[in-house]
Amino acid sequence: MIKAVILDASTVTDGDVSLEPLTSLCDTEVYDYTTADEVAERIGSAEAVLTNKCRISREVFEKCPNLKYVGVFATGYNNVDIEAARERGAVVSNVPGYSTDSVAQHTFALILYHYSSVSRYAEYTGRGEWCFSKLFTHFGPPLYELSGKTIGIVGYGAIGRAVAKIARAFNMKVTVNTRTVPKDEPDTEFLSLEDLLRRADIVTLHCPLTPATEKLINEDTLAMMKPTAILINTSRGGVADEHALRRALDSGTIAGFGADVLTVEPMDKNCPLLGAKNCWITPHIAWAPLETRLRLIELVKKNLEGYLSGSVINNVVS
């Protein structure tokens, strides 16, 4: 049985999801959290490492000559030096598509925060204020229907398509900006980014963070949006320029911004969006429902089993 290490177990479970499916496959040492300085030491002579966010750098590979397998608890693998892994003949397996439904669901939770204001009305009744109302209803934060509104989806992979499906169920008009336009896509209009930003009532980001998409949302692109439009980001924080967003929110250039991701995570105390007007942020939880994490553990297990049996799957090292 080979030796394996899990470096940051607390990023995938707080005890509600068992790691036994993974630890039973190898002689496994489990750490809740590992700092950057501790990574190489904790891997040591292990052949396999499982991690979510710990960086497996070239230096780590050099200090851990036995390391041949890196299993990532995520779809993204930018925390692993792929070139160094290739040179070492190491396998790096990710988990594509495990959180598609949960991220699409959370995208609409962020949208509905603005459109339905459920939490704000619940706070009103929770404070007992409805008890003193003369009317059976209360007109507080504005409410809007999604039906008939135009959603602009930037990036049309699995999550973007799932968002489009939900939007159609709300009777919304679906517009998309993507590099590769699919054939025979019903009820979808494919637009340039500029046209999408000008027409959409809701712009939602589902593109990867690359040199081409870094700060895609900036002073200029924000100025193209309607002042009544909101922006949603459940992709990567770096896709949006947070300083430009702060200015746009405080000046009313756009009506609101909802996000589950930031450029620096956890949130920096000097984050420009902290305290911004009409801004609602969740702490990177779109991927984290119980069912999603159970699925994640099962898929990470299958990746590791594939390596152990010599039938590697989801290897991102080409």
Protein backbone atom coordinates (compact mmCIF):
# COMPACT_ATOMS: atom_id res chain seq x y z
CA MET A 1 0.00 0.00 0.00
CA ILE A 2 1.50 3.31 -1.09
CA LYS A 3 1.91 6.28 1.20
CA ALA A 4 -0.39 9.26 0.62
CA VAL A 5 -1.01 12.63 2.27
CA ILE A 6 -4.12 14.82 2.37
CA LEU A 7 -2.92 18.37 2.98
CA ASP A 8 -6.06 20.45 3.55
CA ALA A 9 -8.95 18.20 4.54
CA SER A 10 -10.82 21.04 6.23
CA THR A 11 -11.42 22.66 2.83
CA VAL A 12 -13.71 19.80 1.81
CA THR A 13 -15.24 18.63 5.11
CA ASP A 14 -15.91 19.85 8.62
CA GLY A 15 -16.77 16.34 9.68
CA ASP A 16 -20.02 16.02 7.73
CA VAL A 17 -18.33 14.23 4.80
CA SER A 18 -16.17 11.18 5.42
CA LEU A 19 -12.72 10.88 3.90
CA GLU A 20 -12.69 7.11 4.54
CA PRO A 21 -13.27 6.31 0.82
CA LEU A 22 -9.89 7.96 0.20
CA THR A 23 -7.90 7.04 3.30
CA SER A 24 -8.77 3.35 2.87
CA LEU A 25 -6.97 3.19 -0.48
CA CYS A 26 -3.52 4.12 0.82
CA ASP A 27 -1.46 4.47 3.96
CA THR A 28 -2.79 8.00 4.40
CA GLU A 29 -1.80 10.85 6.66
CA VAL A 30 -4.45 13.55 6.98
CA TYR A 31 -3.91 17.22 7.83
CA ASP A 32 -6.75 19.70 8.25
CA TYR A 33 -4.70 22.65 7.02
CA THR A 34 -1.18 23.08 5.70
CA THR A 35 0.74 26.31 5.22
CA ALA A 36 2.95 26.89 2.18
CA ASP A 37 6.08 26.34 4.28
CA GLU A 38 4.81 22.97 5.49
CA VAL A 39 3.79 21.39 2.16
CA ALA A 40 7.05 19.69 1.17
CA GLU A 41 7.79 18.52 4.71
CA ARG A 42 4.37 16.96 5.13
CA ILE A 43 4.46 15.21 1.75
CA GLY A 44 7.91 13.89 2.56
CA SER A 45 8.40 10.44 1.03
CA ALA A 46 4.77 10.02 -0.03
CA GLU A 47 3.96 8.88 -3.56
CA ALA A 48 0.54 10.55 -3.67
CA VAL A 49 -0.84 13.83 -2.40
CA LEU A 50 -4.44 15.04 -2.33
CA THR A 51 -5.05 18.75 -2.02
CA ASN A 52 -7.55 21.47 -2.74
CA LYS A 53 -5.63 24.74 -2.60
CA CYS A 54 -2.11 23.98 -1.35
CA ARG A 55 0.46 24.91 -3.97
CA ILE A 56 2.45 22.00 -5.38
CA SER A 57 5.32 23.97 -6.89
CA ARG A 58 8.46 22.97 -8.70
CA GLU A 59 10.31 23.30 -5.42
CA VAL A 60 7.88 20.84 -3.80
CA PHE A 61 8.47 18.31 -6.58
CA GLU A 62 12.22 18.74 -6.16
CA LYS A 63 12.04 18.22 -2.40
CA CYS A 64 9.68 15.23 -2.74
CA PRO A 65 11.31 12.90 -5.30
CA ASN A 66 8.84 10.08 -4.62
CA LEU A 67 5.83 12.22 -5.52
CA LYS A 68 4.15 10.73 -8.61
CA TYR A 69 0.48 11.57 -8.15
CA VAL A 70 -1.34 14.81 -7.32
CA GLY A 71 -5.10 14.52 -6.86
CA VAL A 72 -6.89 17.87 -6.81
CA PHE A 73 -10.18 18.37 -4.93
CA ALA A 74 -11.30 20.80 -7.64
CA THR A 75 -11.81 21.40 -11.32
CA GLY A 76 -9.10 24.07 -11.42
CA TYR A 77 -5.48 23.00 -11.03
CA ASN A 78 -3.58 26.28 -11.26
CA ASN A 79 -2.06 25.53 -7.83
CA VAL A 80 0.04 22.73 -9.38
CA ASP A 81 3.16 23.35 -11.49
CA ILE A 82 2.12 21.25 -14.49
CA GLU A 83 5.43 21.62 -16.30
CA ALA A 84 7.34 20.36 -13.27
CA ALA A 85 4.89 17.46 -12.98
CA ARG A 86 5.42 16.61 -16.65
CA GLU A 87 9.19 16.61 -16.25
CA ARG A 88 8.85 14.24 -13.28
CA GLY A 89 6.43 11.97 -15.09
CA ALA A 90 3.84 12.68 -12.42
CA VAL A 91 0.08 12.44 -12.85
CA VAL A 92 -2.17 15.37 -11.92
CA SER A 93 -5.87 14.50 -11.83
CA ASN A 94 -8.63 17.08 -11.42
CA VAL A 95 -12.40 16.70 -11.03
CA PRO A 96 -14.27 18.34 -13.92
CA GLY A 97 -17.96 19.09 -13.72
CA TYR A 98 -18.70 17.97 -10.17
CA SER A 99 -20.23 21.30 -9.08
CA THR A 100 -22.10 22.41 -12.21
CA ASP A 101 -25.58 22.23 -10.70
CA SER A 102 -24.63 23.76 -7.35
CA VAL A 103 -22.85 26.75 -8.94
CA ALA A 104 -25.76 27.36 -11.30
CA GLN A 105 -28.11 27.20 -8.31
CA HIS A 106 -25.99 29.67 -6.34
CA THR A 107 -25.84 32.01 -9.32
CA PHE A 108 -29.61 32.33 -9.14
CA ALA A 109 -29.51 32.65 -5.36
CA LEU A 110 -27.35 35.75 -5.89
CA ILE A 111 -29.68 37.01 -8.61
CA LEU A 112 -32.77 36.47 -6.46
CA TYR A 113 -31.15 38.29 -3.54
CA HIS A 114 -31.62 41.42 -5.62
CA TYR A 115 -34.82 40.52 -7.47
CA SER A 116 -36.84 39.02 -4.59
CA SER A 117 -35.17 40.53 -1.49
CA VAL A 118 -36.25 37.52 0.59
CA SER A 119 -33.52 37.94 3.22
CA ARG A 120 -34.28 41.62 3.71
CA TYR A 121 -38.01 41.03 4.12
CA ALA A 122 -37.32 38.10 6.46
CA GLU A 123 -35.15 40.43 8.56
CA TYR A 124 -38.05 42.91 8.68
CA THR A 125 -40.46 40.29 10.06
CA GLY A 126 -37.76 38.80 12.30
CA ARG A 127 -37.40 42.16 14.03
CA GLY A 128 -41.13 42.08 14.76
CA GLU A 129 -41.86 45.16 12.64
CA TRP A 130 -44.70 43.52 10.71
CA CYS A 131 -46.60 43.27 13.99
CA PHE A 132 -47.06 47.06 13.91
CA SER A 133 -48.06 47.38 10.25
CA LYS A 134 -51.48 48.81 9.38
CA LEU A 135 -51.45 46.88 6.12
CA PHE A 136 -51.38 43.17 5.32
CA THR A 137 -48.33 43.78 3.14
CA HIS A 138 -45.17 45.84 3.41
CA PHE A 139 -43.49 47.83 0.67
CA GLY A 140 -39.80 47.86 1.52
CA PRO A 141 -36.94 46.96 -0.84
CA PRO A 142 -38.11 46.92 -4.47
CA LEU A 143 -39.18 43.61 -6.03
CA TYR A 144 -38.81 42.62 -9.68
CA GLU A 145 -39.91 39.75 -11.91
CA LEU A 146 -37.29 37.72 -13.76
CA SER A 147 -39.77 36.83 -16.47
CA GLY A 148 -39.05 38.82 -19.61
CA LYS A 149 -35.66 40.06 -18.37
CA THR A 150 -32.53 39.53 -20.46
CA ILE A 151 -29.70 37.54 -18.92
CA GLY A 152 -26.23 37.85 -20.44
CA ILE A 153 -24.04 34.79 -19.85
CA VAL A 154 -20.31 35.31 -20.39
CA GLY A 155 -18.75 31.88 -20.96
CA TYR A 156 -20.81 28.91 -22.12
CA GLY A 157 -19.30 25.79 -20.66
CA ALA A 158 -21.24 23.35 -18.49
CA ILE A 159 -22.10 25.93 -15.83
CA GLY A 160 -23.06 28.61 -18.35
CA ARG A 161 -25.40 26.14 -20.05
CA ALA A 162 -26.93 25.11 -16.73
CA VAL A 163 -27.57 28.78 -15.91
CA ALA A 164 -29.20 29.25 -19.31
CA LYS A 165 -31.52 26.28 -18.66
CA ILE A 166 -32.67 27.77 -15.36
CA ALA A 167 -33.10 31.20 -16.97
CA ARG A 168 -35.40 29.74 -19.63
CA ALA A 169 -37.51 28.16 -16.87
CA PHE A 170 -37.96 31.69 -15.48
CA ASN A 171 -39.06 32.80 -18.98
CA MET A 172 -35.99 34.98 -19.42
CA LYS A 173 -34.35 36.00 -22.68
CA VAL A 174 -30.95 34.29 -22.92
CA THR A 175 -27.97 35.99 -24.54
CA VAL A 176 -24.47 34.52 -24.55
CA ASN A 177 -20.92 35.63 -25.25
CA THR A 178 -18.55 32.75 -25.96
CA ARG A 179 -15.51 32.04 -28.13
CA THR A 180 -17.09 28.99 -29.76
CA VAL A 181 -20.71 29.34 -30.82
CA PRO A 182 -22.52 25.99 -30.69
CA LYS A 183 -24.78 24.86 -33.50
CA ASP A 184 -28.52 24.44 -33.19
CA GLU A 185 -28.84 26.18 -29.82
CA PRO A 186 -32.54 27.01 -29.31
CA ASP A 187 -33.80 30.18 -27.68
CA THR A 188 -30.28 31.63 -27.37
CA GLU A 189 -28.80 34.72 -28.97
CA PHE A 190 -25.02 34.86 -29.31
CA LEU A 191 -23.58 38.35 -29.08
CA SER A 192 -20.31 40.22 -28.87
CA LEU A 193 -19.36 41.15 -25.32
CA GLU A 194 -20.16 44.79 -25.99
CA ASP A 195 -23.67 44.06 -27.30
CA LEU A 196 -24.36 41.66 -24.44
CA LEU A 197 -23.33 44.20 -21.81
CA ARG A 198 -25.50 46.90 -23.36
CA ARG A 199 -28.62 44.72 -23.59
CA ALA A 200 -28.56 42.52 -20.49
CA ASP A 201 -30.50 43.20 -17.31
CA ILE A 202 -28.30 40.63 -15.57
CA VAL A 203 -24.71 39.84 -16.58
CA THR A 204 -23.32 36.63 -15.10
CA LEU A 205 -19.71 35.50 -15.47
CA HIS A 206 -18.85 31.85 -16.14
CA CYS A 207 -15.54 32.08 -17.96
CA PRO A 208 -12.16 30.78 -16.75
CA LEU A 209 -9.49 33.17 -15.50
CA THR A 210 -6.90 33.49 -18.27
CA PRO A 211 -4.68 36.33 -19.50
CA ALA A 212 -7.47 37.11 -21.98
CA THR A 213 -10.21 37.31 -19.31
CA GLU A 214 -8.30 38.92 -16.45
CA LYS A 215 -10.12 42.16 -15.57
CA LEU A 216 -12.54 41.55 -18.43
CA ILE A 217 -14.96 43.58 -16.33
CA ASN A 218 -13.33 46.97 -15.94
CA GLU A 219 -14.06 50.69 -16.07
CA ASP A 220 -14.84 50.59 -19.79
CA THR A 221 -16.98 47.45 -19.85
CA LEU A 222 -18.92 48.46 -16.73
CA ALA A 223 -19.79 51.75 -18.45
CA MET A 224 -21.48 49.75 -21.22
CA MET A 225 -24.00 48.20 -18.82
CA LYS A 226 -27.44 49.58 -18.05
CA PRO A 227 -27.63 51.55 -14.79
CA THR A 228 -30.47 49.19 -13.79
CA ALA A 229 -28.42 46.04 -14.52
CA ILE A 230 -26.68 43.81 -11.99
CA LEU A 231 -23.46 41.83 -12.37
CA ILE A 232 -22.95 38.33 -10.92
CA ASN A 233 -19.60 36.54 -10.58
CA THR A 234 -19.32 32.88 -9.59
CA SER A 235 -16.31 32.17 -11.83
CA ARG A 236 -13.02 33.65 -10.60
CA GLY A 237 -12.47 36.91 -8.79
CA GLY A 238 -9.74 38.11 -11.12
CA VAL A 239 -12.17 38.34 -14.05
CA ALA A 240 -13.41 41.61 -12.55
CA ASP A 241 -11.42 44.72 -11.59
CA GLU A 242 -12.58 45.21 -8.00
CA HIS A 243 -11.48 48.84 -7.80
CA ALA A 244 -13.48 49.67 -10.95
CA LEU A 245 -16.43 47.77 -9.52
CA ARG A 246 -16.33 49.76 -6.30
CA ARG A 247 -16.46 53.01 -8.25
CA ALA A 248 -19.28 51.73 -10.45
CA LEU A 249 -21.35 50.64 -7.45
CA ASP A 250 -20.84 53.79 -5.41
CA SER A 251 -21.60 56.01 -8.40
CA GLY A 252 -24.65 54.04 -9.56
CA THR A 253 -23.12 53.06 -12.90
CA ILE A 254 -24.68 49.62 -12.27
CA ALA A 255 -27.45 48.65 -9.85
CA GLY A 256 -25.63 45.92 -7.97
CA PHE A 257 -22.97 43.23 -7.79
CA GLY A 258 -23.32 39.74 -6.36
CA ALA A 259 -20.32 37.44 -6.08
CA ASP A 260 -19.07 34.21 -4.57
CA VAL A 261 -15.43 34.80 -5.55
CA LEU A 262 -12.84 37.51 -5.00
CA THR A 263 -9.37 38.24 -6.35
CA VAL A 264 -7.88 37.51 -2.91
CA GLU A 265 -9.43 34.78 -0.78
CA PRO A 266 -10.15 34.80 2.11
CA MET A 267 -11.34 38.38 1.73
CA ASP A 268 -8.60 40.90 2.40
CA LYS A 269 -9.45 43.49 5.04
CA ASN A 270 -8.56 46.13 2.42
CA CYS A 271 -10.71 44.59 -0.32
CA PRO A 272 -12.18 47.52 -2.29
CA LEU A 273 -15.60 45.84 -2.33
CA LEU A 274 -15.90 45.71 1.46
CA GLY A 275 -18.72 48.08 2.35
CA ALA A 276 -19.54 48.93 -1.25
CA LYS A 277 -23.06 50.09 -2.06
CA ASN A 278 -25.47 47.42 -3.38
CA CYS A 279 -22.90 44.66 -3.10
CA TRP A 280 -23.55 41.15 -1.73
CA ILE A 281 -20.77 38.59 -1.43
CA THR A 282 -20.74 34.99 -0.21
CA PRO A 283 -17.49 33.29 0.93
CA HIS A 284 -16.79 30.95 -2.02
CA ILE A 285 -19.55 28.49 -1.13
CA ALA A 286 -21.27 27.90 -4.49
CA TRP A 287 -19.45 24.58 -4.86
CA ALA A 288 -20.04 23.44 -1.28
CA PRO A 289 -23.50 21.83 -0.81
CA LEU A 290 -23.37 18.48 0.97
CA GLU A 291 -24.37 16.52 -2.13
CA THR A 292 -21.71 18.28 -4.19
CA ARG A 293 -18.93 17.46 -1.73
CA LEU A 294 -20.05 13.82 -1.47
CA ARG A 295 -19.84 13.66 -5.26
CA LEU A 296 -16.42 15.32 -5.14
CA ILE A 297 -15.02 12.73 -2.72
CA GLU A 298 -16.35 9.89 -4.87
CA LEU A 299 -14.76 11.34 -8.02
CA VAL A 300 -11.42 12.00 -6.29
CA LYS A 301 -11.57 8.38 -5.14
CA LYS A 302 -12.11 7.18 -8.72
CA ASN A 303 -9.16 9.29 -9.88
CA LEU A 304 -6.91 7.77 -7.21
CA GLU A 305 -8.15 4.25 -7.95
CA GLY A 306 -7.35 4.84 -11.61
CA TYR A 307 -3.79 5.78 -10.75
CA LEU A 308 -3.33 2.83 -8.41
CA SER A 309 -4.63 0.38 -11.04
CA GLY A 310 -2.57 1.86 -13.86
CA SER A 311 -5.65 3.22 -15.68
CA VAL A 312 -5.17 6.95 -15.16
CA ILE A 313 -8.19 9.24 -15.65
CA ASN A 314 -8.63 13.02 -15.71
CA ASN A 315 -4.88 13.53 -16.04
CA VAL A 316 -4.29 17.17 -16.96
CA VAL A 317 -0.61 16.60 -17.71
CA SER A 318 -0.48 16.10 -21.46
